[in-house]
Amino acid sequence: MLPEFAPIHLLYLAIAIVLEIAANVLMKQSHGFARKPPAVAAIACALAAFTALSYAVEGIQLSVAYGVWGGVGLIATAVLGIAMFGERLRPKGWLGLALIMGGVILLKFA
């Protein structure tokens, strides 16, 4: 089981995840950085996400924080891609997301 950590570190991790997801959606909306406002906002969100992640790893193991940040961010971004942009996943894509989710869950017990 993971060692205990302060709730503030979970808050920083949650903020990092939300900012990463926002950065990804804004990158899509920037159309390859052709549209400047969402492009600048995407860069700002990405930098803020890394800043929040750096605060999270002060109290959470790096492997766990980064794994959760990447895994949850990827899954949420995929779901938003489907909901907001009409993107589709093939069955192998859904399997991949399930495996990522399983890996994030297993990190809790590592």
N, C-alpha and C. Protein backbone atom coordinates (compact mmCIF):
# COMPACT_ATOMS: atom_id res chain seq x y z
N MET A 1 0.84 -1.19 0.00
CA MET A 1 0.00 0.00 0.00
C MET A 1 0.88 1.24 0.00
N LEU A 2 0.32 2.31 -0.52
CA LEU A 2 1.06 3.56 -0.58
C LEU A 2 1.16 4.19 0.79
N PRO A 3 2.26 4.90 1.03
CA PRO A 3 2.34 5.65 2.28
C PRO A 3 1.31 6.79 2.27
N GLU A 4 0.95 7.22 3.46
CA GLU A 4 0.00 8.31 3.57
C GLU A 4 0.63 9.61 3.09
N PHE A 5 -0.18 10.48 2.53
CA PHE A 5 0.30 11.79 2.12
C PHE A 5 -0.78 12.81 2.41
N ALA A 6 -0.38 14.06 2.47
CA ALA A 6 -1.31 15.13 2.82
C ALA A 6 -2.32 15.36 1.70
N PRO A 7 -3.54 15.69 2.07
CA PRO A 7 -4.57 15.95 1.06
C PRO A 7 -4.19 17.06 0.08
N ILE A 8 -3.36 18.00 0.50
CA ILE A 8 -2.98 19.09 -0.40
C ILE A 8 -2.26 18.55 -1.63
N HIS A 9 -1.52 17.45 -1.46
CA HIS A 9 -0.81 16.88 -2.60
C HIS A 9 -1.78 16.23 -3.59
N LEU A 10 -2.85 15.66 -3.07
CA LEU A 10 -3.91 15.15 -3.96
C LEU A 10 -4.59 16.29 -4.71
N LEU A 11 -4.78 17.41 -4.03
CA LEU A 11 -5.37 18.58 -4.68
C LEU A 11 -4.47 19.07 -5.81
N TYR A 12 -3.15 19.15 -5.55
CA TYR A 12 -2.22 19.55 -6.61
C TYR A 12 -2.26 18.57 -7.78
N LEU A 13 -2.37 17.29 -7.48
CA LEU A 13 -2.44 16.29 -8.54
C LEU A 13 -3.72 16.46 -9.35
N ALA A 14 -4.83 16.69 -8.68
CA ALA A 14 -6.11 16.91 -9.37
C ALA A 14 -6.04 18.15 -10.26
N ILE A 15 -5.44 19.20 -9.75
CA ILE A 15 -5.28 20.43 -10.53
C ILE A 15 -4.42 20.16 -11.76
N ALA A 16 -3.33 19.41 -11.57
CA ALA A 16 -2.45 19.08 -12.70
C ALA A 16 -3.19 18.29 -13.76
N ILE A 17 -4.04 17.37 -13.35
CA ILE A 17 -4.81 16.56 -14.30
C ILE A 17 -5.79 17.44 -15.07
N VAL A 18 -6.52 18.29 -14.38
CA VAL A 18 -7.49 19.17 -15.04
C VAL A 18 -6.78 20.10 -16.03
N LEU A 19 -5.63 20.64 -15.63
CA LEU A 19 -4.89 21.54 -16.51
C LEU A 19 -4.34 20.82 -17.74
N GLU A 20 -3.91 19.57 -17.55
CA GLU A 20 -3.41 18.79 -18.69
C GLU A 20 -4.54 18.53 -19.69
N ILE A 21 -5.70 18.17 -19.18
CA ILE A 21 -6.85 17.92 -20.05
C ILE A 21 -7.22 19.19 -20.79
N ALA A 22 -7.25 20.31 -20.08
CA ALA A 22 -7.56 21.59 -20.72
C ALA A 22 -6.54 21.91 -21.81
N ALA A 23 -5.26 21.67 -21.54
CA ALA A 23 -4.22 21.93 -22.54
C ALA A 23 -4.44 21.09 -23.79
N ASN A 24 -4.80 19.84 -23.61
CA ASN A 24 -5.03 18.96 -24.76
C ASN A 24 -6.22 19.41 -25.60
N VAL A 25 -7.31 19.78 -24.94
CA VAL A 25 -8.50 20.25 -25.66
C VAL A 25 -8.19 21.55 -26.39
N LEU A 26 -7.48 22.44 -25.72
CA LEU A 26 -7.12 23.71 -26.35
C LEU A 26 -6.18 23.51 -27.54
N MET A 27 -5.29 22.53 -27.45
CA MET A 27 -4.42 22.24 -28.60
C MET A 27 -5.26 21.81 -29.80
N LYS A 28 -6.26 20.99 -29.56
CA LYS A 28 -7.14 20.57 -30.65
C LYS A 28 -7.86 21.77 -31.24
N GLN A 29 -8.33 22.66 -30.38
CA GLN A 29 -9.06 23.83 -30.84
C GLN A 29 -8.16 24.85 -31.54
N SER A 30 -6.85 24.76 -31.34
CA SER A 30 -5.94 25.71 -31.97
C SER A 30 -5.66 25.36 -33.43
N HIS A 31 -6.10 24.17 -33.86
CA HIS A 31 -5.89 23.72 -35.25
C HIS A 31 -4.41 23.78 -35.63
N GLY A 32 -3.60 23.04 -34.88
CA GLY A 32 -2.18 22.99 -35.17
C GLY A 32 -1.47 24.31 -34.87
N PHE A 33 -1.94 25.01 -33.87
CA PHE A 33 -1.40 26.29 -33.44
C PHE A 33 -1.60 27.40 -34.48
N ALA A 34 -2.56 27.20 -35.39
CA ALA A 34 -2.90 28.24 -36.36
C ALA A 34 -3.75 29.33 -35.72
N ARG A 35 -4.57 28.96 -34.76
CA ARG A 35 -5.38 29.94 -34.03
C ARG A 35 -4.64 30.28 -32.74
N LYS A 36 -4.22 31.52 -32.63
CA LYS A 36 -3.32 31.93 -31.54
C LYS A 36 -3.92 31.90 -30.14
N PRO A 37 -5.15 32.40 -29.91
CA PRO A 37 -5.65 32.40 -28.53
C PRO A 37 -5.70 31.01 -27.88
N PRO A 38 -6.28 29.98 -28.54
CA PRO A 38 -6.25 28.67 -27.88
C PRO A 38 -4.84 28.08 -27.81
N ALA A 39 -3.98 28.44 -28.74
CA ALA A 39 -2.60 27.94 -28.71
C ALA A 39 -1.87 28.48 -27.49
N VAL A 40 -1.99 29.78 -27.25
CA VAL A 40 -1.35 30.40 -26.09
C VAL A 40 -1.93 29.85 -24.80
N ALA A 41 -3.25 29.67 -24.76
CA ALA A 41 -3.90 29.11 -23.57
C ALA A 41 -3.44 27.67 -23.34
N ALA A 42 -3.26 26.90 -24.40
CA ALA A 42 -2.80 25.51 -24.27
C ALA A 42 -1.40 25.47 -23.65
N ILE A 43 -0.52 26.34 -24.12
CA ILE A 43 0.84 26.38 -23.56
C ILE A 43 0.80 26.79 -22.10
N ALA A 44 -0.02 27.78 -21.76
CA ALA A 44 -0.14 28.22 -20.37
C ALA A 44 -0.67 27.10 -19.48
N CYS A 45 -1.67 26.38 -19.97
CA CYS A 45 -2.23 25.26 -19.18
C CYS A 45 -1.20 24.14 -19.00
N ALA A 46 -0.43 23.85 -20.04
CA ALA A 46 0.58 22.81 -19.94
C ALA A 46 1.65 23.19 -18.92
N LEU A 47 2.10 24.43 -18.97
CA LEU A 47 3.10 24.88 -17.99
C LEU A 47 2.54 24.85 -16.57
N ALA A 48 1.30 25.28 -16.42
CA ALA A 48 0.67 25.25 -15.10
C ALA A 48 0.47 23.81 -14.62
N ALA A 49 0.16 22.91 -15.54
CA ALA A 49 -0.02 21.50 -15.17
C ALA A 49 1.29 20.92 -14.63
N PHE A 50 2.40 21.21 -15.30
CA PHE A 50 3.69 20.71 -14.81
C PHE A 50 4.05 21.35 -13.47
N THR A 51 3.69 22.60 -13.29
CA THR A 51 3.95 23.26 -12.01
C THR A 51 3.16 22.58 -10.89
N ALA A 52 1.88 22.34 -11.14
CA ALA A 52 1.05 21.66 -10.13
C ALA A 52 1.56 20.25 -9.86
N LEU A 53 1.99 19.55 -10.92
CA LEU A 53 2.54 18.21 -10.74
C LEU A 53 3.81 18.25 -9.90
N SER A 54 4.62 19.29 -10.07
CA SER A 54 5.85 19.39 -9.28
C SER A 54 5.53 19.56 -7.80
N TYR A 55 4.44 20.26 -7.48
CA TYR A 55 4.02 20.38 -6.08
C TYR A 55 3.45 19.05 -5.57
N ALA A 56 2.75 18.33 -6.44
CA ALA A 56 2.16 17.05 -6.03
C ALA A 56 3.24 16.04 -5.66
N VAL A 57 4.34 16.01 -6.42
CA VAL A 57 5.37 14.99 -6.16
C VAL A 57 6.19 15.31 -4.92
N GLU A 58 5.97 16.45 -4.31
CA GLU A 58 6.62 16.72 -3.02
C GLU A 58 6.09 15.80 -1.94
N GLY A 59 4.85 15.31 -2.11
CA GLY A 59 4.26 14.46 -1.09
C GLY A 59 3.75 13.13 -1.60
N ILE A 60 3.79 12.91 -2.90
CA ILE A 60 3.34 11.65 -3.49
C ILE A 60 4.52 11.08 -4.28
N GLN A 61 4.69 9.78 -4.22
CA GLN A 61 5.77 9.14 -4.98
C GLN A 61 5.67 9.53 -6.44
N LEU A 62 6.81 9.82 -7.05
CA LEU A 62 6.85 10.26 -8.44
C LEU A 62 6.17 9.26 -9.37
N SER A 63 6.47 7.98 -9.20
CA SER A 63 5.91 6.97 -10.09
C SER A 63 4.38 6.94 -10.00
N VAL A 64 3.86 7.12 -8.82
CA VAL A 64 2.41 7.10 -8.63
C VAL A 64 1.78 8.38 -9.18
N ALA A 65 2.34 9.52 -8.81
CA ALA A 65 1.78 10.80 -9.25
C ALA A 65 1.81 10.90 -10.77
N TYR A 66 2.94 10.58 -11.38
CA TYR A 66 3.05 10.69 -12.83
C TYR A 66 2.15 9.67 -13.53
N GLY A 67 2.08 8.46 -13.00
CA GLY A 67 1.22 7.43 -13.57
C GLY A 67 -0.25 7.83 -13.53
N VAL A 68 -0.69 8.34 -12.41
CA VAL A 68 -2.08 8.77 -12.27
C VAL A 68 -2.34 9.98 -13.16
N TRP A 69 -1.42 10.93 -13.15
CA TRP A 69 -1.56 12.14 -13.98
C TRP A 69 -1.68 11.77 -15.45
N GLY A 70 -0.79 10.95 -15.92
CA GLY A 70 -0.81 10.55 -17.32
C GLY A 70 -2.00 9.68 -17.67
N GLY A 71 -2.29 8.69 -16.83
CA GLY A 71 -3.37 7.76 -17.11
C GLY A 71 -4.75 8.41 -17.07
N VAL A 72 -5.02 9.12 -16.00
CA VAL A 72 -6.33 9.77 -15.88
C VAL A 72 -6.48 10.86 -16.93
N GLY A 73 -5.39 11.59 -17.17
CA GLY A 73 -5.43 12.63 -18.20
C GLY A 73 -5.70 12.05 -19.57
N LEU A 74 -5.07 10.93 -19.89
CA LEU A 74 -5.28 10.29 -21.19
C LEU A 74 -6.71 9.79 -21.35
N ILE A 75 -7.22 9.14 -20.33
CA ILE A 75 -8.58 8.60 -20.40
C ILE A 75 -9.59 9.74 -20.52
N ALA A 76 -9.44 10.77 -19.70
CA ALA A 76 -10.37 11.90 -19.74
C ALA A 76 -10.29 12.64 -21.08
N THR A 77 -9.08 12.79 -21.61
CA THR A 77 -8.92 13.45 -22.90
C THR A 77 -9.58 12.64 -24.00
N ALA A 78 -9.45 11.32 -23.95
CA ALA A 78 -10.10 10.47 -24.95
C ALA A 78 -11.62 10.60 -24.87
N VAL A 79 -12.15 10.60 -23.67
CA VAL A 79 -13.60 10.74 -23.49
C VAL A 79 -14.07 12.10 -24.00
N LEU A 80 -13.32 13.16 -23.69
CA LEU A 80 -13.69 14.49 -24.18
C LEU A 80 -13.57 14.57 -25.70
N GLY A 81 -12.59 13.89 -26.28
CA GLY A 81 -12.47 13.86 -27.73
C GLY A 81 -13.71 13.25 -28.37
N ILE A 82 -14.23 12.22 -27.75
CA ILE A 82 -15.45 11.58 -28.24
C ILE A 82 -16.64 12.51 -28.07
N ALA A 83 -16.77 13.11 -26.87
CA ALA A 83 -17.93 13.94 -26.56
C ALA A 83 -17.92 15.28 -27.30
N MET A 84 -16.76 15.91 -27.38
CA MET A 84 -16.70 17.27 -27.93
C MET A 84 -16.44 17.31 -29.43
N PHE A 85 -15.67 16.35 -29.93
CA PHE A 85 -15.21 16.44 -31.31
C PHE A 85 -15.72 15.29 -32.18
N GLY A 86 -16.55 14.42 -31.62
CA GLY A 86 -17.11 13.32 -32.38
C GLY A 86 -16.09 12.27 -32.80
N GLU A 87 -14.98 12.20 -32.09
CA GLU A 87 -13.97 11.20 -32.43
C GLU A 87 -14.47 9.81 -32.04
N ARG A 88 -13.90 8.80 -32.65
CA ARG A 88 -14.32 7.42 -32.39
C ARG A 88 -13.12 6.58 -32.01
N LEU A 89 -13.37 5.57 -31.19
CA LEU A 89 -12.34 4.59 -30.84
C LEU A 89 -12.78 3.23 -31.33
N ARG A 90 -11.85 2.50 -31.88
CA ARG A 90 -12.11 1.11 -32.24
C ARG A 90 -12.05 0.26 -30.97
N PRO A 91 -12.50 -0.98 -31.04
CA PRO A 91 -12.45 -1.84 -29.85
C PRO A 91 -11.04 -1.95 -29.24
N LYS A 92 -10.01 -1.97 -30.07
CA LYS A 92 -8.65 -2.03 -29.53
C LYS A 92 -8.32 -0.78 -28.73
N GLY A 93 -8.85 0.35 -29.15
CA GLY A 93 -8.64 1.59 -28.41
C GLY A 93 -9.28 1.55 -27.04
N TRP A 94 -10.51 1.02 -26.99
CA TRP A 94 -11.19 0.87 -25.70
C TRP A 94 -10.43 -0.10 -24.80
N LEU A 95 -9.90 -1.17 -25.39
CA LEU A 95 -9.10 -2.12 -24.60
C LEU A 95 -7.87 -1.42 -24.05
N GLY A 96 -7.22 -0.61 -24.87
CA GLY A 96 -6.05 0.14 -24.41
C GLY A 96 -6.38 1.05 -23.25
N LEU A 97 -7.51 1.76 -23.33
CA LEU A 97 -7.92 2.63 -22.22
C LEU A 97 -8.20 1.82 -20.97
N ALA A 98 -8.83 0.65 -21.13
CA ALA A 98 -9.09 -0.21 -19.97
C ALA A 98 -7.79 -0.69 -19.33
N LEU A 99 -6.81 -1.02 -20.15
CA LEU A 99 -5.52 -1.45 -19.62
C LEU A 99 -4.81 -0.32 -18.88
N ILE A 100 -4.90 0.87 -19.42
CA ILE A 100 -4.32 2.02 -18.73
C ILE A 100 -4.99 2.23 -17.37
N MET A 101 -6.32 2.15 -17.37
CA MET A 101 -7.06 2.31 -16.12
C MET A 101 -6.66 1.24 -15.12
N GLY A 102 -6.51 0.01 -15.60
CA GLY A 102 -6.07 -1.07 -14.71
C GLY A 102 -4.69 -0.81 -14.16
N GLY A 103 -3.79 -0.28 -14.99
CA GLY A 103 -2.44 0.04 -14.54
C GLY A 103 -2.44 1.12 -13.47
N VAL A 104 -3.27 2.13 -13.64
CA VAL A 104 -3.36 3.20 -12.63
C VAL A 104 -3.88 2.63 -11.32
N ILE A 105 -4.87 1.76 -11.40
CA ILE A 105 -5.41 1.15 -10.19
C ILE A 105 -4.36 0.27 -9.50
N LEU A 106 -3.60 -0.49 -10.30
CA LEU A 106 -2.55 -1.34 -9.72
C LEU A 106 -1.47 -0.53 -9.02
N LEU A 107 -1.21 0.69 -9.47
CA LEU A 107 -0.22 1.52 -8.81
C LEU A 107 -0.56 1.75 -7.34
N LYS A 108 -1.84 1.79 -7.03
CA LYS A 108 -2.24 1.98 -5.64
C LYS A 108 -1.76 0.84 -4.75
N PHE A 109 -1.63 -0.33 -5.33
CA PHE A 109 -1.25 -1.50 -4.54
C PHE A 109 0.21 -1.87 -4.70
N ALA A 110 0.97 -1.09 -5.44
CA ALA A 110 2.39 -1.40 -5.69
C ALA A 110 3.23 -1.08 -4.47
